[in-house]
Structure formats: structure tokens, C-alpha cells
Amino acid sequence: TDGLSIATLYGSHSKPAPGQANCDEQAERRPRPRPQTVAFVAPPPPPPAPVPDQIITIRGIDKKVETLTNKRPAEDTGRNQ
């Protein structure tokens, strides 16, 4: 069943159950490629972090601006009346 599930995941080959089993063994014997993938995955996370801060800051400024613009006309209207 494991071979079938792996074949289903890959989907590229229909009868690679025995071949994939050998590939899996080789992958287990050669765990070096996996660390490289992790290294590549690690760098991307930092960039997204500053982006949320900027978005939050922008939202905060937008809210402040909206509050100021809303207060000004109300105050002016009250003074005019």
C-alpha cells in the first residue's frame, strides 16, 4: 500500500512501486539533499516578517488619518453652528 500511495502522490509514473522503493532507500541513505532544501527554505521567512509590520503601520496611519479627517469637519461644523 505504501508503494501505491507514493505512486499516487507522484502520479508521474503508473508502475514505479518497486523502482520508487529503491529510490526511497537511496534517499534515506543520502540525507544530504534534504538539509540543502531546508537551507533554501530558511532564508525566505525573514523577508515576510518586515512586510506585516509595514502593513500594520500603514493601517495604523490610515486609521489615524481617517480619525483626524473625521474629527476636523465635526469640530469645524460645531464651531460654525
PDB file of N, CA and C in Angstrom:
ATOM      1  N   THR A   1       0.847  -1.210   0.000  1.00  0.00           N
ATOM      2  CA  THR A   1       0.000   0.000   0.000  1.00  0.00           C
ATOM      3  C   THR A   1       0.877   1.254   0.000  1.00  0.00           C
ATOM      4  N   ASP A   2       2.020   1.200   0.687  1.00  0.00           N
ATOM      5  CA  ASP A   2       2.903   2.373   0.700  1.00  0.00           C
ATOM      6  C   ASP A   2       3.342   2.713  -0.722  1.00  0.00           C
ATOM      7  N   GLY A   3       3.735   1.684  -1.494  1.00  0.00           N
ATOM      8  CA  GLY A   3       4.165   1.929  -2.875  1.00  0.00           C
ATOM      9  C   GLY A   3       3.047   2.586  -3.667  1.00  0.00           C
ATOM     10  N   LEU A   4       1.812   2.092  -3.511  1.00  0.00           N
ATOM     11  CA  LEU A   4       0.699   2.676  -4.256  1.00  0.00           C
ATOM     12  C   LEU A   4       0.498   4.128  -3.841  1.00  0.00           C
ATOM     13  N   SER A   5       0.529   4.408  -2.542  1.00  0.00           N
ATOM     14  CA  SER A   5       0.311   5.783  -2.092  1.00  0.00           C
ATOM     15  C   SER A   5       1.402   6.693  -2.646  1.00  0.00           C
ATOM     16  N   ILE A   6       2.647   6.217  -2.642  1.00  0.00           N
ATOM     17  CA  ILE A   6       3.741   7.044  -3.186  1.00  0.00           C
ATOM     18  C   ILE A   6       3.486   7.276  -4.670  1.00  0.00           C
ATOM     19  N   ALA A   7       3.117   6.209  -5.401  1.00  0.00           N
ATOM     20  CA  ALA A   7       2.852   6.360  -6.827  1.00  0.00           C
ATOM     21  C   ALA A   7       1.732   7.370  -7.028  1.00  0.00           C
ATOM     22  N   THR A   8       0.706   7.311  -6.194  1.00  0.00           N
ATOM     23  CA  THR A   8      -0.403   8.259  -6.320  1.00  0.00           C
ATOM     24  C   THR A   8       0.082   9.681  -6.088  1.00  0.00           C
ATOM     25  N   LEU A   9       0.957   9.865  -5.098  1.00  0.00           N
ATOM     26  CA  LEU A   9       1.452  11.223  -4.821  1.00  0.00           C
ATOM     27  C   LEU A   9       2.244  11.741  -6.016  1.00  0.00           C
ATOM     28  N   TYR A  10       3.182  10.921  -6.518  1.00  0.00           N
ATOM     29  CA  TYR A  10       3.989  11.390  -7.649  1.00  0.00           C
ATOM     30  C   TYR A  10       3.120  11.506  -8.897  1.00  0.00           C
ATOM     31  N   GLY A  11       2.353  10.431  -9.199  1.00  0.00           N
ATOM     32  CA  GLY A  11       1.435  10.479 -10.331  1.00  0.00           C
ATOM     33  C   GLY A  11       2.159  10.513 -11.666  1.00  0.00           C
ATOM     34  N   SER A  12       3.469  10.762 -11.714  1.00  0.00           N
ATOM     35  CA  SER A  12       4.176  10.837 -12.996  1.00  0.00           C
ATOM     36  C   SER A  12       4.283   9.442 -13.608  1.00  0.00           C
ATOM     37  N   HIS A  13       4.458   8.408 -12.779  1.00  0.00           N
ATOM     38  CA  HIS A  13       4.596   7.048 -13.297  1.00  0.00           C
ATOM     39  C   HIS A  13       3.491   6.175 -12.717  1.00  0.00           C
ATOM     40  N   SER A  14       3.020   5.206 -13.526  1.00  0.00           N
ATOM     41  CA  SER A  14       1.906   4.385 -13.061  1.00  0.00           C
ATOM     42  C   SER A  14       2.407   3.110 -12.386  1.00  0.00           C
ATOM     43  N   LYS A  15       3.587   2.562 -12.790  1.00  0.00           N
ATOM     44  CA  LYS A  15       4.059   1.301 -12.201  1.00  0.00           C
ATOM     45  C   LYS A  15       5.475   1.458 -11.646  1.00  0.00           C
ATOM     46  N   PRO A  16       5.751   2.471 -10.831  1.00  0.00           N
ATOM     47  CA  PRO A  16       7.101   2.617 -10.286  1.00  0.00           C
ATOM     48  C   PRO A  16       7.183   2.126  -8.852  1.00  0.00           C
ATOM     49  N   ALA A  17       6.229   1.287  -8.395  1.00  0.00           N
ATOM     50  CA  ALA A  17       6.240   0.865  -6.993  1.00  0.00           C
ATOM     51  C   ALA A  17       7.611   0.298  -6.618  1.00  0.00           C
ATOM     52  N   PRO A  18       8.133  -0.726  -7.325  1.00  0.00           N
ATOM     53  CA  PRO A  18       9.449  -1.270  -6.945  1.00  0.00           C
ATOM     54  C   PRO A  18      10.547  -0.233  -7.143  1.00  0.00           C
ATOM     55  N   GLY A  19      10.521   0.487  -8.260  1.00  0.00           N
ATOM     56  CA  GLY A  19      11.553   1.500  -8.522  1.00  0.00           C
ATOM     57  C   GLY A  19      11.545   2.562  -7.441  1.00  0.00           C
ATOM     58  N   GLN A  20      10.379   3.028  -7.051  1.00  0.00           N
ATOM     59  CA  GLN A  20      10.304   4.073  -6.024  1.00  0.00           C
ATOM     60  C   GLN A  20      10.845   3.541  -4.697  1.00  0.00           C
ATOM     61  N   ALA A  21      10.575   2.263  -4.403  1.00  0.00           N
ATOM     62  CA  ALA A  21      11.086   1.694  -3.151  1.00  0.00           C
ATOM     63  C   ALA A  21      12.605   1.841  -3.130  1.00  0.00           C
ATOM     64  N   ASN A  22      13.265   1.527  -4.268  1.00  0.00           N
ATOM     65  CA  ASN A  22      14.721   1.686  -4.326  1.00  0.00           C
ATOM     66  C   ASN A  22      15.081   3.162  -4.183  1.00  0.00           C
ATOM     67  N   CYS A  23      14.354   4.037  -4.834  1.00  0.00           N
ATOM     68  CA  CYS A  23      14.641   5.472  -4.729  1.00  0.00           C
ATOM     69  C   CYS A  23      14.508   5.914  -3.267  1.00  0.00           C
ATOM     70  N   ASP A  24      13.475   5.439  -2.604  1.00  0.00           N
ATOM     71  CA  ASP A  24      13.293   5.824  -1.200  1.00  0.00           C
ATOM     72  C   ASP A  24      14.507   5.385  -0.375  1.00  0.00           C
ATOM     73  N   GLU A  25      14.971   4.137  -0.617  1.00  0.00           N
ATOM     74  CA  GLU A  25      16.136   3.661   0.136  1.00  0.00           C
ATOM     75  C   GLU A  25      17.331   4.567  -0.141  1.00  0.00           C
ATOM     76  N   GLN A  26      17.535   4.930  -1.402  1.00  0.00           N
ATOM     77  CA  GLN A  26      18.661   5.814  -1.734  1.00  0.00           C
ATOM     78  C   GLN A  26      18.485   7.155  -1.030  1.00  0.00           C
ATOM     79  N   ALA A  27      17.287   7.673  -1.014  1.00  0.00           N
ATOM     80  CA  ALA A  27      17.047   8.959  -0.351  1.00  0.00           C
ATOM     81  C   ALA A  27      17.412   8.845   1.127  1.00  0.00           C
ATOM     82  N   GLU A  28      17.020   7.714   1.755  1.00  0.00           N
ATOM     83  CA  GLU A  28      17.354   7.544   3.173  1.00  0.00           C
ATOM     84  C   GLU A  28      18.867   7.456   3.348  1.00  0.00           C
ATOM     85  N   ARG A  29      19.536   6.785   2.409  1.00  0.00           N
ATOM     86  CA  ARG A  29      20.994   6.666   2.515  1.00  0.00           C
ATOM     87  C   ARG A  29      21.651   8.016   2.231  1.00  0.00           C
ATOM     88  N   ARG A  30      21.018   8.865   1.431  1.00  0.00           N
ATOM     89  CA  ARG A  30      21.610  10.165   1.081  1.00  0.00           C
ATOM     90  C   ARG A  30      20.742  11.290   1.650  1.00  0.00           C
ATOM     91  N   PRO A  31      20.829  11.575   2.934  1.00  0.00           N
ATOM     92  CA  PRO A  31      20.006  12.645   3.527  1.00  0.00           C
ATOM     93  C   PRO A  31      20.620  14.027   3.314  1.00  0.00           C
ATOM     94  N   ARG A  32      21.712  14.137   2.548  1.00  0.00           N
ATOM     95  CA  ARG A  32      22.351  15.445   2.352  1.00  0.00           C
ATOM     96  C   ARG A  32      21.447  16.401   1.574  1.00  0.00           C
ATOM     97  N   PRO A  33      20.785  15.965   0.500  1.00  0.00           N
ATOM     98  CA  PRO A  33      19.939  16.906  -0.265  1.00  0.00           C
ATOM     99  C   PRO A  33      18.870  17.564   0.598  1.00  0.00           C
ATOM    100  N   ARG A  34      18.372  16.853   1.601  1.00  0.00           N
ATOM    101  CA  ARG A  34      17.312  17.442   2.437  1.00  0.00           C
ATOM    102  C   ARG A  34      17.815  18.685   3.182  1.00  0.00           C
ATOM    103  N   PRO A  35      18.985  18.648   3.842  1.00  0.00           N
ATOM    104  CA  PRO A  35      19.486  19.857   4.522  1.00  0.00           C
ATOM    105  C   PRO A  35      19.562  21.046   3.570  1.00  0.00           C
ATOM    106  N   GLN A  36      19.979  20.830   2.335  1.00  0.00           N
ATOM    107  CA  GLN A  36      20.055  21.929   1.370  1.00  0.00           C
ATOM    108  C   GLN A  36      18.665  22.542   1.191  1.00  0.00           C
ATOM    109  N   THR A  37      17.664  21.689   1.036  1.00  0.00           N
ATOM    110  CA  THR A  37      16.306  22.213   0.881  1.00  0.00           C
ATOM    111  C   THR A  37      15.927  23.066   2.088  1.00  0.00           C
ATOM    112  N   VAL A  38      16.263  22.596   3.286  1.00  0.00           N
ATOM    113  CA  VAL A  38      15.946  23.367   4.499  1.00  0.00           C
ATOM    114  C   VAL A  38      16.663  24.707   4.460  1.00  0.00           C
ATOM    115  N   ALA A  39      17.945  24.690   4.035  1.00  0.00           N
ATOM    116  CA  ALA A  39      18.713  25.942   3.975  1.00  0.00           C
ATOM    117  C   ALA A  39      17.990  26.920   3.049  1.00  0.00           C
ATOM    118  N   PHE A  40      17.543  26.445   1.888  1.00  0.00           N
ATOM    119  CA  PHE A  40      16.848  27.346   0.959  1.00  0.00           C
ATOM    120  C   PHE A  40      15.529  27.821   1.564  1.00  0.00           C
ATOM    121  N   VAL A  41      14.868  26.937   2.277  1.00  0.00           N
ATOM    122  CA  VAL A  41      13.574  27.327   2.863  1.00  0.00           C
ATOM    123  C   VAL A  41      13.774  28.345   3.983  1.00  0.00           C
ATOM    124  N   ALA A  42      14.876  28.247   4.713  1.00  0.00           N
ATOM    125  CA  ALA A  42      15.089  29.150   5.856  1.00  0.00           C
ATOM    126  C   ALA A  42      15.151  30.624   5.435  1.00  0.00           C
ATOM    127  N   PRO A  43      15.936  31.017   4.441  1.00  0.00           N
ATOM    128  CA  PRO A  43      16.052  32.441   4.085  1.00  0.00           C
ATOM    129  C   PRO A  43      14.721  33.125   3.773  1.00  0.00           C
ATOM    130  N   PRO A  44      13.817  32.532   3.007  1.00  0.00           N
ATOM    131  CA  PRO A  44      12.564  33.217   2.645  1.00  0.00           C
ATOM    132  C   PRO A  44      11.772  33.762   3.833  1.00  0.00           C
ATOM    133  N   PRO A  45      11.629  33.053   4.948  1.00  0.00           N
ATOM    134  CA  PRO A  45      10.796  33.562   6.053  1.00  0.00           C
ATOM    135  C   PRO A  45      11.139  34.975   6.509  1.00  0.00           C
ATOM    136  N   PRO A  46      12.413  35.366   6.666  1.00  0.00           N
ATOM    137  CA  PRO A  46      12.717  36.717   7.157  1.00  0.00           C
ATOM    138  C   PRO A  46      12.049  37.839   6.362  1.00  0.00           C
ATOM    139  N   PRO A  47      12.111  37.868   5.022  1.00  0.00           N
ATOM    140  CA  PRO A  47      11.500  38.976   4.270  1.00  0.00           C
ATOM    141  C   PRO A  47      10.036  39.216   4.633  1.00  0.00           C
ATOM    142  N   PRO A  48       9.192  38.179   4.686  1.00  0.00           N
ATOM    143  CA  PRO A  48       7.774  38.400   5.012  1.00  0.00           C
ATOM    144  C   PRO A  48       7.581  39.082   6.365  1.00  0.00           C
ATOM    145  N   ALA A  49       8.490  38.867   7.318  1.00  0.00           N
ATOM    146  CA  ALA A  49       8.318  39.449   8.655  1.00  0.00           C
ATOM    147  C   ALA A  49       8.196  40.970   8.579  1.00  0.00           C
ATOM    148  N   PRO A  50       9.150  41.689   7.951  1.00  0.00           N
ATOM    149  CA  PRO A  50       9.042  43.154   7.883  1.00  0.00           C
ATOM    150  C   PRO A  50       7.789  43.606   7.145  1.00  0.00           C
ATOM    151  N   VAL A  51       7.328  42.840   6.178  1.00  0.00           N
ATOM    152  CA  VAL A  51       6.155  43.263   5.404  1.00  0.00           C
ATOM    153  C   VAL A  51       4.939  43.440   6.310  1.00  0.00           C
ATOM    154  N   PRO A  52       4.606  42.462   7.180  1.00  0.00           N
ATOM    155  CA  PRO A  52       3.451  42.643   8.081  1.00  0.00           C
ATOM    156  C   PRO A  52       3.586  43.904   8.918  1.00  0.00           C
ATOM    157  N   ASP A  53       4.796  44.179   9.427  1.00  0.00           N
ATOM    158  CA  ASP A  53       4.980  45.388  10.235  1.00  0.00           C
ATOM    159  C   ASP A  53       4.600  46.616   9.413  1.00  0.00           C
ATOM    160  N   GLN A  54       5.090  46.667   8.177  1.00  0.00           N
ATOM    161  CA  GLN A  54       4.771  47.811   7.319  1.00  0.00           C
ATOM    162  C   GLN A  54       3.258  47.897   7.121  1.00  0.00           C
ATOM    163  N   ILE A  55       2.626  46.747   6.854  1.00  0.00           N
ATOM    164  CA  ILE A  55       1.174  46.763   6.638  1.00  0.00           C
ATOM    165  C   ILE A  55       0.477  47.276   7.896  1.00  0.00           C
ATOM    166  N   ILE A  56       0.896  46.768   9.064  1.00  0.00           N
ATOM    167  CA  ILE A  56       0.267  47.210  10.318  1.00  0.00           C
ATOM    168  C   ILE A  56       0.478  48.713  10.489  1.00  0.00           C
ATOM    169  N   THR A  57       1.700  49.175  10.246  1.00  0.00           N
ATOM    170  CA  THR A  57       1.986  50.610  10.392  1.00  0.00           C
ATOM    171  C   THR A  57       1.104  51.401   9.434  1.00  0.00           C
ATOM    172  N   ILE A  58       1.028  50.938   8.176  1.00  0.00           N
ATOM    173  CA  ILE A  58       0.207  51.661   7.196  1.00  0.00           C
ATOM    174  C   ILE A  58      -1.244  51.688   7.679  1.00  0.00           C
ATOM    175  N   ARG A  59      -1.743  50.549   8.135  1.00  0.00           N
ATOM    176  CA  ARG A  59      -3.132  50.518   8.612  1.00  0.00           C
ATOM    177  C   ARG A  59      -3.314  51.495   9.772  1.00  0.00           C
ATOM    178  N   GLY A  60      -2.364  51.484  10.710  1.00  0.00           N
ATOM    179  CA  GLY A  60      -2.465  52.400  11.844  1.00  0.00           C
ATOM    180  C   GLY A  60      -2.491  53.843  11.359  1.00  0.00           C
ATOM    181  N   ILE A  61      -1.612  54.185  10.405  1.00  0.00           N
ATOM    182  CA  ILE A  61      -1.599  55.564   9.884  1.00  0.00           C
ATOM    183  C   ILE A  61      -2.944  55.857   9.216  1.00  0.00           C
ATOM    184  N   ASP A  62      -3.419  54.915   8.406  1.00  0.00           N
ATOM    185  CA  ASP A  62      -4.698  55.136   7.726  1.00  0.00           C
ATOM    186  C   ASP A  62      -5.792  55.410   8.762  1.00  0.00           C
ATOM    187  N   LYS A  63      -5.829  54.600   9.815  1.00  0.00           N
ATOM    188  CA  LYS A  63      -6.862  54.806  10.845  1.00  0.00           C
ATOM    189  C   LYS A  63      -6.703  56.190  11.475  1.00  0.00           C
ATOM    190  N   LYS A  64      -5.453  56.561  11.805  1.00  0.00           N
ATOM    191  CA  LYS A  64      -5.224  57.876  12.411  1.00  0.00           C
ATOM    192  C   LYS A  64      -5.681  58.979  11.457  1.00  0.00           C
ATOM    193  N   VAL A  65      -5.312  58.866  10.190  1.00  0.00           N
ATOM    194  CA  VAL A  65      -5.697  59.894   9.209  1.00  0.00           C
ATOM    195  C   VAL A  65      -7.218  59.976   9.135  1.00  0.00           C
ATOM    196  N   GLU A  66      -7.867  58.808   9.043  1.00  0.00           N
ATOM    197  CA  GLU A  66      -9.334  58.831   8.972  1.00  0.00           C
ATOM    198  C   GLU A  66      -9.909  59.497  10.219  1.00  0.00           C
ATOM    199  N   THR A  67      -9.366  59.183  11.379  1.00  0.00           N
ATOM    200  CA  THR A  67      -9.874  59.785  12.620  1.00  0.00           C
ATOM    201  C   THR A  67      -9.689  61.298  12.582  1.00  0.00           C
ATOM    202  N   LEU A  68      -8.511  61.760  12.171  1.00  0.00           N
ATOM    203  CA  LEU A  68      -8.261  63.211  12.124  1.00  0.00           C
ATOM    204  C   LEU A  68      -9.218  63.868  11.124  1.00  0.00           C
ATOM    205  N   THR A  69      -9.331  63.299   9.932  1.00  0.00           N
ATOM    206  CA  THR A  69     -10.205  63.922   8.927  1.00  0.00           C
ATOM    207  C   THR A  69     -11.650  63.913   9.427  1.00  0.00           C
ATOM    208  N   ASN A  70     -12.050  62.863  10.120  1.00  0.00           N
ATOM    209  CA  ASN A  70     -13.429  62.823  10.628  1.00  0.00           C
ATOM    210  C   ASN A  70     -13.614  63.858  11.739  1.00  0.00           C
ATOM    211  N   LYS A  71     -12.623  64.025  12.604  1.00  0.00           N
ATOM    212  CA  LYS A  71     -12.757  64.971  13.723  1.00  0.00           C
ATOM    213  C   LYS A  71     -12.764  66.412  13.211  1.00  0.00           C
ATOM    214  N   ARG A  72     -11.915  66.737  12.265  1.00  0.00           N
ATOM    215  CA  ARG A  72     -11.804  68.125  11.801  1.00  0.00           C
ATOM    216  C   ARG A  72     -13.148  68.656  11.305  1.00  0.00           C
ATOM    217  N   PRO A  73     -13.798  67.972  10.369  1.00  0.00           N
ATOM    218  CA  PRO A  73     -15.089  68.508   9.883  1.00  0.00           C
ATOM    219  C   PRO A  73     -16.109  68.625  11.017  1.00  0.00           C
ATOM    220  N   ALA A  74     -16.116  67.657  11.938  1.00  0.00           N
ATOM    221  CA  ALA A  74     -17.079  67.717  13.043  1.00  0.00           C
ATOM    222  C   ALA A  74     -16.792  68.958  13.882  1.00  0.00           C
ATOM    223  N   GLU A  75     -15.540  69.200  14.216  1.00  0.00           N
ATOM    224  CA  GLU A  75     -15.205  70.376  15.026  1.00  0.00           C
ATOM    225  C   GLU A  75     -15.555  71.650  14.261  1.00  0.00           C
ATOM    226  N   ASP A  76     -15.205  71.700  12.992  1.00  0.00           N
ATOM    227  CA  ASP A  76     -15.499  72.902  12.201  1.00  0.00           C
ATOM    228  C   ASP A  76     -17.009  73.129  12.157  1.00  0.00           C
ATOM    229  N   THR A  77     -17.763  72.047  11.931  1.00  0.00           N
ATOM    230  CA  THR A  77     -19.222  72.203  11.860  1.00  0.00           C
ATOM    231  C   THR A  77     -19.744  72.735  13.188  1.00  0.00           C
ATOM    232  N   GLY A  78     -19.247  72.185  14.294  1.00  0.00           N
ATOM    233  CA  GLY A  78     -19.709  72.645  15.613  1.00  0.00           C
ATOM    234  C   GLY A  78     -19.371  74.118  15.804  1.00  0.00           C
ATOM    235  N   ARG A  79     -18.174  74.529  15.431  1.00  0.00           N
ATOM    236  CA  ARG A  79     -17.791  75.929  15.615  1.00  0.00           C
ATOM    237  C   ARG A  79     -18.638  76.827  14.724  1.00  0.00           C
ATOM    238  N   ASN A  80     -18.859  76.366  13.481  1.00  0.00           N
ATOM    239  CA  ASN A  80     -19.631  77.200  12.547  1.00  0.00           C
ATOM    240  C   ASN A  80     -21.063  77.368  13.055  1.00  0.00           C
ATOM    241  N   GLN A  81     -21.624  76.268  13.569  1.00  0.00           N
ATOM    242  CA  GLN A  81     -23.007  76.375  14.026  1.00  0.00           C
ATOM    243  C   GLN A  81     -23.022  77.277  15.261  1.00  0.00           C
TER     244      GLN A  81
END
